[in-house]
């Protein structure tokens, strides 16, 4: 597969492999940062893609967003190692705390939990949507010098009903995602 596009998504409910166009491979990583990191690392080492794209659903923090959005920046919303480092920063790490794809305009906050209530830190750090895998995938890509992009389908309002709504827009999001992938130069 060397030189092709790799799409990483958490679960098969989010994206059907059979819909992938020629030159695009879909791998399911599992939910959360640990699964995403392990899946991304193995996929990059074995498949050697020219580009990694993450797709998945996201919770909305920025009320103006809807539908499919492209993520420009990603931060860790649940790295809580105070007082060793401020929230969002890995202690004793020289690596970046905010990773950028170079595409899109949205900031995503990744964490191993559903956001079910307001969080002033998210607003203070201009987080637009929240997910559970992107930071890990972007981090692996950065370590292996592979460009990445990410598309998120806003599926809920990141509130106490989030778990019940997370899958509601998956079919609509998948259609929009494949249309966006068709526009990416192969």
N, C-alpha and C. Protein backbone atom coordinates (compact mmCIF):
# COMPACT_ATOMS: atom_id res chain seq x y z
N UNK A 1 0.81 -1.19 0.00
CA UNK A 1 0.00 0.00 0.00
C UNK A 1 0.85 1.26 0.00
N UNK A 2 2.10 1.16 0.10
CA UNK A 2 2.98 2.31 0.23
C UNK A 2 2.59 3.44 -0.73
N UNK A 3 2.48 4.65 -0.18
CA UNK A 3 2.17 5.80 -0.99
C UNK A 3 0.69 6.10 -1.14
N UNK A 4 -0.17 5.35 -0.52
CA UNK A 4 -1.60 5.58 -0.64
C UNK A 4 -2.13 6.30 0.60
N UNK A 5 -3.44 6.48 0.62
CA UNK A 5 -4.09 7.17 1.73
C UNK A 5 -4.65 6.14 2.71
N UNK A 6 -4.41 6.38 3.99
CA UNK A 6 -4.90 5.52 5.06
C UNK A 6 -5.94 6.30 5.86
N UNK A 7 -7.12 5.72 6.01
CA UNK A 7 -8.17 6.32 6.85
C UNK A 7 -8.25 5.51 8.14
N UNK A 8 -8.11 6.20 9.26
CA UNK A 8 -8.23 5.58 10.58
C UNK A 8 -9.52 6.08 11.23
N UNK A 9 -10.32 5.15 11.68
CA UNK A 9 -11.56 5.47 12.36
C UNK A 9 -11.73 4.50 13.53
N UNK A 10 -12.44 4.89 14.54
CA UNK A 10 -12.52 4.07 15.75
C UNK A 10 -13.26 2.76 15.54
N UNK A 11 -14.46 2.82 14.99
CA UNK A 11 -15.30 1.61 14.92
C UNK A 11 -15.99 1.50 13.56
N UNK A 12 -16.40 0.30 13.24
CA UNK A 12 -17.02 0.07 11.93
C UNK A 12 -18.37 0.75 11.78
N UNK A 13 -19.02 1.11 12.88
CA UNK A 13 -20.29 1.85 12.78
C UNK A 13 -20.07 3.24 12.19
N UNK A 14 -18.85 3.78 12.31
CA UNK A 14 -18.59 5.13 11.83
C UNK A 14 -18.29 5.17 10.32
N UNK A 15 -17.74 4.10 9.79
CA UNK A 15 -17.30 4.12 8.40
C UNK A 15 -17.28 2.72 7.82
N UNK A 16 -17.90 2.54 6.67
CA UNK A 16 -17.94 1.24 6.01
C UNK A 16 -16.77 1.15 5.04
N UNK A 17 -15.91 0.14 5.22
CA UNK A 17 -14.73 -0.03 4.37
C UNK A 17 -15.07 -0.14 2.89
N UNK A 18 -16.16 -0.81 2.59
CA UNK A 18 -16.52 -1.07 1.19
C UNK A 18 -16.76 0.22 0.40
N UNK A 19 -16.99 1.32 1.08
CA UNK A 19 -17.23 2.60 0.40
C UNK A 19 -15.94 3.31 0.01
N UNK A 20 -14.81 2.82 0.48
CA UNK A 20 -13.53 3.49 0.22
C UNK A 20 -13.20 3.48 -1.27
N UNK A 21 -12.80 4.64 -1.81
CA UNK A 21 -12.40 4.68 -3.21
C UNK A 21 -11.05 3.98 -3.42
N UNK A 22 -10.71 3.71 -4.68
CA UNK A 22 -9.41 3.10 -4.99
C UNK A 22 -8.29 3.95 -4.41
N UNK A 23 -7.28 3.30 -3.88
CA UNK A 23 -6.13 4.00 -3.31
C UNK A 23 -6.30 4.41 -1.87
N UNK A 24 -7.44 4.02 -1.26
CA UNK A 24 -7.72 4.38 0.14
C UNK A 24 -7.97 3.11 0.94
N UNK A 25 -7.23 2.95 2.02
CA UNK A 25 -7.38 1.81 2.93
C UNK A 25 -8.01 2.30 4.22
N UNK A 26 -8.99 1.57 4.76
CA UNK A 26 -9.65 1.92 6.03
C UNK A 26 -9.23 0.91 7.10
N UNK A 27 -8.80 1.43 8.25
CA UNK A 27 -8.43 0.60 9.40
C UNK A 27 -9.23 1.08 10.61
N UNK A 28 -9.79 0.13 11.36
CA UNK A 28 -10.50 0.44 12.60
C UNK A 28 -9.50 0.32 13.75
N UNK A 29 -9.39 1.38 14.55
CA UNK A 29 -8.41 1.40 15.64
C UNK A 29 -8.97 0.96 16.98
N UNK A 30 -10.27 1.12 17.18
CA UNK A 30 -10.86 0.97 18.50
C UNK A 30 -11.00 2.35 19.13
N UNK A 31 -11.78 2.42 20.19
CA UNK A 31 -12.12 3.69 20.84
C UNK A 31 -11.04 4.10 21.83
N UNK A 32 -10.73 5.38 21.88
CA UNK A 32 -9.84 5.94 22.88
C UNK A 32 -8.42 6.12 22.39
N UNK A 33 -7.65 6.91 23.19
CA UNK A 33 -6.29 7.28 22.80
C UNK A 33 -5.33 6.11 22.75
N UNK A 34 -5.44 5.17 23.67
CA UNK A 34 -4.51 4.03 23.67
C UNK A 34 -4.74 3.16 22.43
N UNK A 35 -6.00 2.81 22.17
CA UNK A 35 -6.30 2.02 20.97
C UNK A 35 -5.90 2.75 19.70
N UNK A 36 -6.20 4.05 19.63
CA UNK A 36 -5.87 4.83 18.43
C UNK A 36 -4.36 4.90 18.23
N UNK A 37 -3.62 5.09 19.29
CA UNK A 37 -2.16 5.16 19.19
C UNK A 37 -1.57 3.83 18.72
N UNK A 38 -2.02 2.74 19.33
CA UNK A 38 -1.51 1.42 18.95
C UNK A 38 -1.89 1.09 17.51
N UNK A 39 -3.15 1.33 17.13
CA UNK A 39 -3.60 1.05 15.77
C UNK A 39 -2.89 1.90 14.74
N UNK A 40 -2.71 3.18 15.04
CA UNK A 40 -2.03 4.08 14.11
C UNK A 40 -0.57 3.69 13.92
N UNK A 41 0.10 3.36 15.01
CA UNK A 41 1.51 2.98 14.92
C UNK A 41 1.69 1.75 14.05
N UNK A 42 0.92 0.72 14.32
CA UNK A 42 1.03 -0.52 13.53
C UNK A 42 0.69 -0.26 12.06
N UNK A 43 -0.38 0.47 11.81
CA UNK A 43 -0.78 0.74 10.43
C UNK A 43 0.28 1.54 9.68
N UNK A 44 0.88 2.53 10.32
CA UNK A 44 1.91 3.32 9.66
C UNK A 44 3.16 2.49 9.35
N UNK A 45 3.55 1.64 10.29
CA UNK A 45 4.75 0.82 10.08
C UNK A 45 4.55 -0.23 8.99
N UNK A 46 3.36 -0.79 8.92
CA UNK A 46 3.10 -1.86 7.95
C UNK A 46 2.73 -1.29 6.58
N UNK A 47 1.86 -0.29 6.54
CA UNK A 47 1.30 0.18 5.28
C UNK A 47 2.05 1.35 4.64
N UNK A 48 2.80 2.09 5.41
CA UNK A 48 3.59 3.22 4.91
C UNK A 48 2.79 4.16 3.99
N UNK A 49 1.70 4.72 4.50
CA UNK A 49 0.88 5.60 3.65
C UNK A 49 1.55 6.94 3.41
N UNK A 50 1.07 7.65 2.37
CA UNK A 50 1.57 9.00 2.12
C UNK A 50 0.77 10.04 2.91
N UNK A 51 -0.44 9.65 3.36
CA UNK A 51 -1.31 10.54 4.12
C UNK A 51 -2.21 9.70 5.02
N UNK A 52 -2.42 10.18 6.24
CA UNK A 52 -3.37 9.55 7.17
C UNK A 52 -4.53 10.52 7.37
N UNK A 53 -5.73 9.98 7.26
CA UNK A 53 -6.93 10.77 7.52
C UNK A 53 -7.69 10.10 8.66
N UNK A 54 -8.03 10.89 9.67
CA UNK A 54 -8.88 10.39 10.75
C UNK A 54 -10.30 10.87 10.50
N UNK A 55 -11.25 9.94 10.63
CA UNK A 55 -12.67 10.30 10.53
C UNK A 55 -13.38 9.75 11.75
N UNK A 56 -14.34 10.51 12.24
CA UNK A 56 -15.16 10.04 13.34
C UNK A 56 -16.20 11.08 13.71
N UNK A 57 -17.01 10.72 14.67
CA UNK A 57 -18.01 11.65 15.18
C UNK A 57 -17.38 12.49 16.28
N UNK A 58 -18.01 13.62 16.57
CA UNK A 58 -17.49 14.52 17.60
C UNK A 58 -18.65 15.22 18.29
N UNK A 59 -18.36 15.65 19.50
CA UNK A 59 -19.31 16.47 20.25
C UNK A 59 -19.02 17.94 19.98
N UNK A 60 -20.06 18.72 19.89
CA UNK A 60 -19.94 20.15 19.57
C UNK A 60 -19.78 20.98 20.85
N UNK A 61 -18.73 21.79 20.87
CA UNK A 61 -18.55 22.80 21.91
C UNK A 61 -18.95 24.16 21.33
N UNK A 62 -18.51 24.42 20.10
CA UNK A 62 -18.84 25.64 19.38
C UNK A 62 -20.23 25.46 18.75
N UNK A 63 -21.21 26.17 19.27
CA UNK A 63 -22.59 26.01 18.84
C UNK A 63 -22.83 26.37 17.39
N UNK A 64 -21.90 27.05 16.75
CA UNK A 64 -22.06 27.45 15.35
C UNK A 64 -21.70 26.34 14.37
N UNK A 65 -21.11 25.26 14.86
CA UNK A 65 -20.68 24.18 13.96
C UNK A 65 -21.76 23.14 13.80
N UNK A 66 -21.81 22.57 12.60
CA UNK A 66 -22.78 21.52 12.32
C UNK A 66 -22.25 20.71 11.13
N UNK A 67 -22.67 19.47 11.04
CA UNK A 67 -22.30 18.64 9.90
C UNK A 67 -20.85 18.21 9.93
N UNK A 68 -20.24 18.08 8.76
CA UNK A 68 -18.85 17.64 8.64
C UNK A 68 -17.92 18.84 8.73
N UNK A 69 -16.91 18.75 9.60
CA UNK A 69 -15.92 19.82 9.75
C UNK A 69 -14.53 19.22 9.58
N UNK A 70 -13.61 20.03 9.06
CA UNK A 70 -12.22 19.58 8.98
C UNK A 70 -11.45 20.21 10.13
N UNK A 71 -10.65 19.40 10.79
CA UNK A 71 -9.91 19.82 11.98
C UNK A 71 -8.54 20.35 11.59
N UNK A 72 -8.23 21.54 12.06
CA UNK A 72 -6.94 22.16 11.82
C UNK A 72 -5.95 21.88 12.95
N UNK A 73 -6.46 21.85 14.19
CA UNK A 73 -5.61 21.71 15.38
C UNK A 73 -6.24 20.72 16.35
N UNK A 74 -5.38 20.06 17.12
CA UNK A 74 -5.88 19.13 18.13
C UNK A 74 -5.05 19.26 19.40
N UNK A 75 -5.74 19.19 20.55
CA UNK A 75 -5.10 19.26 21.86
C UNK A 75 -5.63 18.09 22.71
N UNK A 76 -4.91 17.81 23.80
CA UNK A 76 -5.38 16.79 24.75
C UNK A 76 -6.17 17.50 25.84
N UNK A 77 -7.45 17.24 25.89
CA UNK A 77 -8.29 17.89 26.89
C UNK A 77 -8.23 17.20 28.24
N UNK A 78 -7.73 15.99 28.29
CA UNK A 78 -7.73 15.25 29.55
C UNK A 78 -6.33 14.95 30.10
N UNK A 79 -5.31 15.64 29.62
CA UNK A 79 -3.99 15.49 30.23
C UNK A 79 -3.98 16.41 31.45
N UNK A 80 -4.19 15.79 32.61
CA UNK A 80 -4.33 16.53 33.86
C UNK A 80 -3.20 16.13 34.81
N UNK A 81 -2.04 16.73 34.64
CA UNK A 81 -0.87 16.37 35.45
C UNK A 81 -0.38 17.55 36.30
N UNK A 82 -1.32 18.42 36.67
CA UNK A 82 -0.94 19.55 37.51
C UNK A 82 -0.46 19.03 38.87
N UNK A 83 0.53 19.55 39.50
CA UNK A 83 1.26 20.78 39.18
C UNK A 83 2.49 20.55 38.30
N UNK A 84 2.70 19.35 37.79
CA UNK A 84 3.88 19.10 36.96
C UNK A 84 3.83 19.85 35.63
N UNK A 85 2.64 20.08 35.11
CA UNK A 85 2.45 20.81 33.86
C UNK A 85 1.02 21.32 33.83
N UNK A 86 0.77 22.39 33.08
CA UNK A 86 -0.61 22.86 32.98
C UNK A 86 -1.49 21.84 32.26
N UNK A 87 -2.78 21.94 32.47
CA UNK A 87 -3.72 21.05 31.80
C UNK A 87 -3.47 21.07 30.28
N UNK A 88 -3.50 19.90 29.68
CA UNK A 88 -3.29 19.77 28.24
C UNK A 88 -1.85 19.53 27.84
N UNK A 89 -0.92 19.65 28.76
CA UNK A 89 0.50 19.48 28.44
C UNK A 89 1.03 18.22 29.13
N UNK A 90 1.80 17.43 28.38
CA UNK A 90 2.43 16.24 28.94
C UNK A 90 3.67 16.65 29.73
N UNK A 91 3.76 16.30 31.00
CA UNK A 91 4.94 16.69 31.80
C UNK A 91 6.23 16.13 31.21
N UNK A 92 7.29 16.91 31.31
CA UNK A 92 8.64 16.52 30.91
C UNK A 92 8.74 16.17 29.43
N UNK A 93 7.83 16.64 28.61
CA UNK A 93 7.85 16.35 27.19
C UNK A 93 8.23 17.60 26.41
N UNK A 94 9.07 17.41 25.42
CA UNK A 94 9.45 18.52 24.55
C UNK A 94 8.55 18.58 23.31
N UNK A 95 7.65 17.61 23.18
CA UNK A 95 6.79 17.56 22.01
C UNK A 95 5.66 18.59 22.13
N UNK A 96 5.08 18.92 21.01
CA UNK A 96 4.03 19.93 20.96
C UNK A 96 2.77 19.48 21.69
N UNK A 97 2.08 20.46 22.28
CA UNK A 97 0.82 20.20 22.98
C UNK A 97 -0.37 20.46 22.06
N UNK A 98 -0.12 21.16 20.97
CA UNK A 98 -1.14 21.50 19.98
C UNK A 98 -0.59 21.09 18.63
N UNK A 99 -1.22 20.09 18.02
CA UNK A 99 -0.75 19.58 16.74
C UNK A 99 -1.63 20.15 15.63
N UNK A 100 -1.02 20.48 14.50
CA UNK A 100 -1.74 21.13 13.42
C UNK A 100 -1.58 20.36 12.11
N UNK A 101 -2.70 20.25 11.39
CA UNK A 101 -2.71 19.53 10.12
C UNK A 101 -2.37 20.43 8.93
N UNK A 102 -2.63 21.71 9.07
CA UNK A 102 -2.45 22.63 7.95
C UNK A 102 -3.71 22.77 7.10
N UNK A 103 -4.79 22.13 7.51
CA UNK A 103 -6.05 22.18 6.77
C UNK A 103 -7.19 22.47 7.75
N UNK A 104 -8.25 23.06 7.25
CA UNK A 104 -9.43 23.29 8.07
C UNK A 104 -9.28 24.49 8.99
N UNK A 105 -10.27 24.66 9.87
CA UNK A 105 -10.28 25.81 10.77
C UNK A 105 -10.75 25.46 12.17
N UNK A 106 -11.00 24.19 12.45
CA UNK A 106 -11.60 23.76 13.71
C UNK A 106 -10.52 23.21 14.65
N UNK A 107 -10.70 23.46 15.96
CA UNK A 107 -9.82 22.87 16.97
C UNK A 107 -10.59 21.77 17.69
N UNK A 108 -9.95 20.60 17.81
CA UNK A 108 -10.54 19.43 18.46
C UNK A 108 -9.81 19.16 19.77
N UNK A 109 -10.56 18.83 20.80
CA UNK A 109 -9.99 18.41 22.07
C UNK A 109 -10.21 16.92 22.25
N UNK A 110 -9.13 16.16 22.35
CA UNK A 110 -9.23 14.70 22.48
C UNK A 110 -9.09 14.28 23.93
N UNK A 111 -9.91 13.31 24.34
CA UNK A 111 -9.82 12.77 25.68
C UNK A 111 -10.52 11.43 25.76
N UNK A 112 -10.18 10.67 26.77
CA UNK A 112 -10.75 9.33 26.96
C UNK A 112 -12.05 9.35 27.77
N UNK A 113 -12.87 10.34 27.52
CA UNK A 113 -14.16 10.43 28.19
C UNK A 113 -15.12 11.21 27.30
N UNK A 114 -16.42 10.95 27.48
CA UNK A 114 -17.41 11.78 26.81
C UNK A 114 -17.53 13.10 27.58
N UNK A 115 -17.68 14.17 26.87
CA UNK A 115 -17.92 15.46 27.51
C UNK A 115 -19.44 15.57 27.68
N UNK A 116 -19.87 15.64 28.92
CA UNK A 116 -21.30 15.64 29.20
C UNK A 116 -21.76 16.88 29.97
N UNK A 117 -20.85 17.83 30.16
CA UNK A 117 -21.19 19.07 30.87
C UNK A 117 -20.23 20.16 30.41
N UNK A 118 -20.60 21.40 30.67
CA UNK A 118 -19.75 22.52 30.31
C UNK A 118 -18.37 22.42 30.96
N UNK A 119 -17.35 22.89 30.26
CA UNK A 119 -15.98 22.87 30.76
C UNK A 119 -15.31 24.17 30.33
N UNK A 120 -15.12 25.11 31.27
CA UNK A 120 -14.53 26.40 30.91
C UNK A 120 -13.18 26.29 30.21
N UNK A 121 -12.38 25.26 30.51
CA UNK A 121 -11.07 25.09 29.88
C UNK A 121 -11.22 24.93 28.37
N UNK A 122 -12.25 24.20 27.94
CA UNK A 122 -12.46 24.00 26.51
C UNK A 122 -12.71 25.34 25.82
N UNK A 123 -13.53 26.18 26.42
CA UNK A 123 -13.81 27.48 25.84
C UNK A 123 -12.59 28.40 25.89
N UNK A 124 -11.86 28.39 27.00
CA UNK A 124 -10.67 29.23 27.13
C UNK A 124 -9.60 28.85 26.10
N UNK A 125 -9.57 27.59 25.69
CA UNK A 125 -8.58 27.10 24.73
C UNK A 125 -9.15 26.98 23.32
N UNK A 126 -10.29 27.59 23.10
CA UNK A 126 -10.91 27.68 21.78
C UNK A 126 -11.14 26.32 21.13
N UNK A 127 -11.53 25.34 21.95
CA UNK A 127 -11.85 24.01 21.44
C UNK A 127 -13.26 24.07 20.85
N UNK A 128 -13.38 23.61 19.61
CA UNK A 128 -14.66 23.66 18.90
C UNK A 128 -15.44 22.36 19.01
N UNK A 129 -14.73 21.22 18.92
CA UNK A 129 -15.34 19.90 19.00
C UNK A 129 -14.48 19.00 19.87
N UNK A 130 -15.08 17.91 20.37
CA UNK A 130 -14.33 16.96 21.19
C UNK A 130 -14.49 15.56 20.63
N UNK A 131 -13.41 14.77 20.75
CA UNK A 131 -13.44 13.38 20.30
C UNK A 131 -12.61 12.54 21.27
N UNK A 132 -12.33 11.29 20.87
CA UNK A 132 -11.60 10.39 21.76
C UNK A 132 -10.35 9.76 21.12
N UNK A 133 -9.99 10.14 19.87
CA UNK A 133 -8.85 9.49 19.20
C UNK A 133 -7.86 10.42 18.51
N UNK A 134 -8.28 11.56 18.02
CA UNK A 134 -7.45 12.33 17.09
C UNK A 134 -6.07 12.71 17.61
N UNK A 135 -5.95 13.18 18.85
CA UNK A 135 -4.63 13.61 19.31
C UNK A 135 -3.63 12.46 19.22
N UNK A 136 -4.05 11.26 19.60
CA UNK A 136 -3.15 10.10 19.54
C UNK A 136 -2.72 9.82 18.11
N UNK A 137 -3.65 9.87 17.18
CA UNK A 137 -3.33 9.60 15.77
C UNK A 137 -2.39 10.68 15.22
N UNK A 138 -2.71 11.95 15.48
CA UNK A 138 -1.86 13.05 15.01
C UNK A 138 -0.47 12.96 15.61
N UNK A 139 -0.38 12.58 16.87
CA UNK A 139 0.91 12.44 17.55
C UNK A 139 1.77 11.34 16.89
N UNK A 140 1.16 10.21 16.59
CA UNK A 140 1.88 9.11 15.93
C UNK A 140 2.33 9.57 14.54
N UNK A 141 1.45 10.24 13.81
CA UNK A 141 1.82 10.73 12.48
C UNK A 141 3.00 11.69 12.56
N UNK A 142 2.96 12.60 13.52
CA UNK A 142 4.06 13.55 13.68
C UNK A 142 5.38 12.83 13.97
N UNK A 143 5.34 11.84 14.84
CA UNK A 143 6.55 11.08 15.18
C UNK A 143 7.14 10.34 13.98
N UNK A 144 6.27 9.97 13.03
CA UNK A 144 6.72 9.22 11.86
C UNK A 144 6.77 10.08 10.60
N UNK A 145 6.66 11.39 10.77
CA UNK A 145 6.75 12.35 9.67
C UNK A 145 5.77 12.04 8.54
N UNK A 146 4.54 11.69 8.91
CA UNK A 146 3.47 11.42 7.94
C UNK A 146 2.44 12.53 8.08
N UNK A 147 2.06 13.20 7.00
CA UNK A 147 1.02 14.22 7.11
C UNK A 147 -0.32 13.60 7.49
N UNK A 148 -1.14 14.40 8.19
CA UNK A 148 -2.46 13.92 8.61
C UNK A 148 -3.50 15.00 8.36
N UNK A 149 -4.70 14.52 8.21
CA UNK A 149 -5.88 15.38 8.14
C UNK A 149 -6.96 14.71 8.97
N UNK A 150 -7.97 15.47 9.36
CA UNK A 150 -9.05 14.89 10.16
C UNK A 150 -10.37 15.56 9.82
N UNK A 151 -11.39 14.72 9.71
CA UNK A 151 -12.75 15.18 9.47
C UNK A 151 -13.62 14.61 10.59
N UNK A 152 -14.43 15.46 11.18
CA UNK A 152 -15.33 15.04 12.25
C UNK A 152 -16.76 15.41 11.87
N UNK A 153 -17.67 14.48 12.13
CA UNK A 153 -19.08 14.77 11.93
C UNK A 153 -19.68 15.11 13.28
N UNK A 154 -20.21 16.32 13.40
CA UNK A 154 -20.78 16.77 14.67
C UNK A 154 -22.06 15.99 14.92
N UNK A 155 -22.00 15.12 15.93
CA UNK A 155 -23.10 14.18 16.19
C UNK A 155 -23.90 14.51 17.44
N UNK A 156 -23.37 15.37 18.30
CA UNK A 156 -24.10 15.71 19.53
C UNK A 156 -23.59 17.04 20.07
N UNK A 157 -24.23 17.50 21.12
CA UNK A 157 -23.89 18.79 21.71
C UNK A 157 -22.97 18.68 22.93
N UNK A 158 -22.28 17.55 23.10
CA UNK A 158 -21.36 17.37 24.22
C UNK A 158 -22.03 17.78 25.55
N UNK A 159 -23.17 17.16 25.82
CA UNK A 159 -23.90 17.42 27.05
C UNK A 159 -24.36 16.10 27.64
N UNK A 160 -25.18 16.14 28.66
CA UNK A 160 -25.50 14.91 29.39
C UNK A 160 -26.25 13.87 28.55
N UNK A 161 -26.78 14.23 27.39
CA UNK A 161 -27.41 13.25 26.51
C UNK A 161 -26.46 12.76 25.41
N UNK A 162 -25.19 13.14 25.48
CA UNK A 162 -24.23 12.86 24.40
C UNK A 162 -24.15 11.37 24.05
N UNK A 163 -24.13 10.51 25.03
CA UNK A 163 -23.97 9.07 24.76
C UNK A 163 -25.12 8.53 23.92
N UNK A 164 -26.31 9.04 24.10
CA UNK A 164 -27.46 8.57 23.34
C UNK A 164 -27.51 9.10 21.92
N UNK A 165 -26.83 10.22 21.65
CA UNK A 165 -26.89 10.84 20.33
C UNK A 165 -25.65 10.57 19.49
N UNK A 166 -24.62 10.00 20.04
CA UNK A 166 -23.33 9.90 19.36
C UNK A 166 -23.42 9.22 18.01
N UNK A 167 -24.29 8.25 17.83
CA UNK A 167 -24.37 7.56 16.55
C UNK A 167 -25.44 8.08 15.62
N UNK A 168 -26.17 9.10 16.02
CA UNK A 168 -27.33 9.56 15.26
C UNK A 168 -27.00 10.02 13.85
N UNK A 169 -25.87 10.67 13.64
CA UNK A 169 -25.57 11.22 12.32
C UNK A 169 -24.53 10.46 11.54
N UNK A 170 -24.25 9.24 11.94
CA UNK A 170 -23.16 8.49 11.32
C UNK A 170 -23.37 8.29 9.83
N UNK A 171 -24.54 7.91 9.39
CA UNK A 171 -24.78 7.66 7.96
C UNK A 171 -24.61 8.94 7.15
N UNK A 172 -25.18 10.04 7.61
CA UNK A 172 -25.05 11.31 6.90
C UNK A 172 -23.60 11.77 6.88
N UNK A 173 -22.90 11.61 7.99
CA UNK A 173 -21.50 12.01 8.08
C UNK A 173 -20.62 11.21 7.16
N UNK A 174 -20.89 9.91 7.06
CA UNK A 174 -20.10 9.04 6.20
C UNK A 174 -20.18 9.48 4.73
N UNK A 175 -21.36 9.81 4.28
CA UNK A 175 -21.55 10.27 2.89
C UNK A 175 -20.74 11.54 2.64
N UNK A 176 -20.84 12.51 3.55
CA UNK A 176 -20.10 13.76 3.41
C UNK A 176 -18.59 13.52 3.46
N UNK A 177 -18.16 12.60 4.33
CA UNK A 177 -16.74 12.30 4.44
C UNK A 177 -16.18 11.74 3.14
N UNK A 178 -16.87 10.76 2.55
CA UNK A 178 -16.36 10.17 1.30
C UNK A 178 -16.34 11.20 0.18
N UNK A 179 -17.27 12.14 0.18
CA UNK A 179 -17.24 13.22 -0.81
C UNK A 179 -16.00 14.08 -0.61
N UNK A 180 -15.66 14.38 0.65
CA UNK A 180 -14.46 15.18 0.95
C UNK A 180 -13.19 14.44 0.54
N UNK A 181 -13.14 13.13 0.80
CA UNK A 181 -11.95 12.33 0.44
C UNK A 181 -11.74 12.35 -1.08
N UNK A 182 -12.82 12.32 -1.83
CA UNK A 182 -12.70 12.34 -3.30
C UNK A 182 -12.02 13.61 -3.79
N UNK A 183 -12.06 14.68 -3.00
CA UNK A 183 -11.46 15.96 -3.38
C UNK A 183 -9.97 16.04 -3.04
N UNK A 184 -9.45 15.10 -2.28
CA UNK A 184 -8.05 15.10 -1.87
C UNK A 184 -7.20 14.51 -2.99
N UNK A 185 -6.16 15.22 -3.42
CA UNK A 185 -5.29 14.66 -4.47
C UNK A 185 -4.67 13.33 -4.04
N UNK A 186 -4.70 12.37 -4.94
CA UNK A 186 -4.17 11.04 -4.61
C UNK A 186 -2.71 10.94 -4.98
